Amino acid sequence: MPKRKVAVTLDSEILGELDELIAQRRFPNRSQAIEAAVAEKLERLTRTRLAREAAKLNRDEEKAFAEEGMDSELASWPEY
């Protein structure tokens, strides 16, 4: 995927922590550290949004809808 340059302004403390991670060789440079952090945050937001939407589902209503009209078909299935 092609990359583009952007200017980012960070709090001095955050920048210091970021530089410490680079000094510890956790990341090769600031750019890759920031890219990893943004990618991780976007992934978390996506998962959170999915969980929030799933929580809105009415489980009983969804189950009833899924099983609607299945009585005659279920009756013909063998008993286990």
C-alpha atoms as a PDB file:
ATOM      1  CA  MET A   1       0.000   0.000   0.000  1.00  0.00           C
ATOM      2  CA  PRO A   2       1.433   3.406  -0.867  1.00  0.00           C
ATOM      3  CA  LYS A   3       2.345   5.667   2.026  1.00  0.00           C
ATOM      4  CA  ARG A   4       1.880   9.422   2.396  1.00  0.00           C
ATOM      5  CA  LYS A   5       3.594  11.896   4.650  1.00  0.00           C
ATOM      6  CA  VAL A   6       1.614  13.790   7.274  1.00  0.00           C
ATOM      7  CA  ALA A   7       2.610  16.272   9.943  1.00  0.00           C
ATOM      8  CA  VAL A   8       1.731  15.265  13.496  1.00  0.00           C
ATOM      9  CA  THR A   9       1.935  17.353  16.647  1.00  0.00           C
ATOM     10  CA  LEU A  10       2.477  15.384  19.865  1.00  0.00           C
ATOM     11  CA  ASP A  11       2.688  16.263  23.523  1.00  0.00           C
ATOM     12  CA  SER A  12       6.317  16.381  24.689  1.00  0.00           C
ATOM     13  CA  GLU A  13       5.763  13.595  27.224  1.00  0.00           C
ATOM     14  CA  ILE A  14       4.259  11.295  24.623  1.00  0.00           C
ATOM     15  CA  LEU A  15       7.100  12.072  22.251  1.00  0.00           C
ATOM     16  CA  GLY A  16       9.591  11.242  25.002  1.00  0.00           C
ATOM     17  CA  GLU A  17       7.908   7.881  25.608  1.00  0.00           C
ATOM     18  CA  LEU A  18       7.894   7.228  21.889  1.00  0.00           C
ATOM     19  CA  ASP A  19      11.601   8.002  21.627  1.00  0.00           C
ATOM     20  CA  GLU A  20      12.255   5.669  24.544  1.00  0.00           C
ATOM     21  CA  LEU A  21      10.571   2.824  22.648  1.00  0.00           C
ATOM     22  CA  ILE A  22      12.800   3.582  19.687  1.00  0.00           C
ATOM     23  CA  ALA A  23      15.885   3.640  21.926  1.00  0.00           C
ATOM     24  CA  GLN A  24      14.825   0.214  23.236  1.00  0.00           C
ATOM     25  CA  ARG A  25      14.624  -0.896  19.592  1.00  0.00           C
ATOM     26  CA  ARG A  26      10.927  -1.702  19.898  1.00  0.00           C
ATOM     27  CA  PHE A  27      10.441   0.320  16.693  1.00  0.00           C
ATOM     28  CA  PRO A  28      13.010   1.367  14.110  1.00  0.00           C
ATOM     29  CA  ASN A  29      11.783   4.976  13.967  1.00  0.00           C
ATOM     30  CA  ARG A  30       9.038   7.393  14.993  1.00  0.00           C
ATOM     31  CA  SER A  31       7.125   6.966  11.768  1.00  0.00           C
ATOM     32  CA  GLN A  32       6.726   3.220  12.152  1.00  0.00           C
ATOM     33  CA  ALA A  33       5.844   3.538  15.834  1.00  0.00           C
ATOM     34  CA  ILE A  34       3.113   6.077  15.113  1.00  0.00           C
ATOM     35  CA  GLU A  35       1.802   4.033  12.188  1.00  0.00           C
ATOM     36  CA  ALA A  36       1.565   0.937  14.413  1.00  0.00           C
ATOM     37  CA  ALA A  37      -0.243   2.902  17.134  1.00  0.00           C
ATOM     38  CA  VAL A  38      -2.781   4.375  14.721  1.00  0.00           C
ATOM     39  CA  ALA A  39      -3.415   0.995  13.068  1.00  0.00           C
ATOM     40  CA  GLU A  40      -3.969  -0.624  16.473  1.00  0.00           C
ATOM     41  CA  LYS A  41      -6.362   2.125  17.572  1.00  0.00           C
ATOM     42  CA  LEU A  42      -8.379   1.863  14.349  1.00  0.00           C
ATOM     43  CA  GLU A  43      -8.663  -1.906  14.816  1.00  0.00           C
ATOM     44  CA  ARG A  44      -9.868  -1.461  18.402  1.00  0.00           C
ATOM     45  CA  LEU A  45     -12.463   1.098  17.334  1.00  0.00           C
ATOM     46  CA  THR A  46     -13.763  -1.288  14.686  1.00  0.00           C
ATOM     47  CA  ARG A  47     -14.069  -4.145  17.208  1.00  0.00           C
ATOM     48  CA  THR A  48     -15.754  -1.860  19.746  1.00  0.00           C
ATOM     49  CA  ARG A  49     -18.256  -0.622  17.175  1.00  0.00           C
ATOM     50  CA  LEU A  50     -19.064  -4.218  16.157  1.00  0.00           C
ATOM     51  CA  ALA A  51     -19.572  -5.247  19.790  1.00  0.00           C
ATOM     52  CA  ARG A  52     -21.777  -2.199  20.399  1.00  0.00           C
ATOM     53  CA  GLU A  53     -23.950  -3.007  17.377  1.00  0.00           C
ATOM     54  CA  ALA A  54     -24.200  -6.689  18.356  1.00  0.00           C
ATOM     55  CA  ALA A  55     -25.329  -5.681  21.852  1.00  0.00           C
ATOM     56  CA  LYS A  56     -28.252  -3.796  20.300  1.00  0.00           C
ATOM     57  CA  LEU A  57     -29.718  -7.000  18.898  1.00  0.00           C
ATOM     58  CA  ASN A  58     -32.731  -8.335  20.714  1.00  0.00           C
ATOM     59  CA  ARG A  59     -31.696 -11.963  21.181  1.00  0.00           C
ATOM     60  CA  ASP A  60     -35.204 -13.366  21.755  1.00  0.00           C
ATOM     61  CA  GLU A  61     -36.635 -11.465  18.808  1.00  0.00           C
ATOM     62  CA  GLU A  62     -33.741 -12.530  16.560  1.00  0.00           C
ATOM     63  CA  LYS A  63     -34.145 -16.191  17.589  1.00  0.00           C
ATOM     64  CA  ALA A  64     -37.886 -16.104  16.954  1.00  0.00           C
ATOM     65  CA  PHE A  65     -37.319 -14.514  13.555  1.00  0.00           C
ATOM     66  CA  ALA A  66     -34.689 -17.140  12.644  1.00  0.00           C
ATOM     67  CA  GLU A  67     -36.994 -19.992  13.643  1.00  0.00           C
ATOM     68  CA  GLU A  68     -40.125 -18.508  12.071  1.00  0.00           C
ATOM     69  CA  GLY A  69     -41.850 -21.016   9.812  1.00  0.00           C
ATOM     70  CA  MET A  70     -39.571 -23.859  10.877  1.00  0.00           C
ATOM     71  CA  ASP A  71     -42.190 -25.809  12.899  1.00  0.00           C
ATOM     72  CA  SER A  72     -43.296 -28.060  10.032  1.00  0.00           C
ATOM     73  CA  GLU A  73     -39.733 -28.587   8.811  1.00  0.00           C
ATOM     74  CA  LEU A  74     -38.383 -29.285  12.304  1.00  0.00           C
ATOM     75  CA  ALA A  75     -41.146 -31.856  12.876  1.00  0.00           C
ATOM     76  CA  SER A  76     -39.840 -33.936   9.960  1.00  0.00           C
ATOM     77  CA  TRP A  77     -36.274 -34.072  11.331  1.00  0.00           C
ATOM     78  CA  PRO A  78     -35.235 -37.239  13.164  1.00  0.00           C
ATOM     79  CA  GLU A  79     -35.022 -37.123  16.978  1.00  0.00           C
ATOM     80  CA  TYR A  80     -31.495 -37.363  18.374  1.00  0.00           C
END
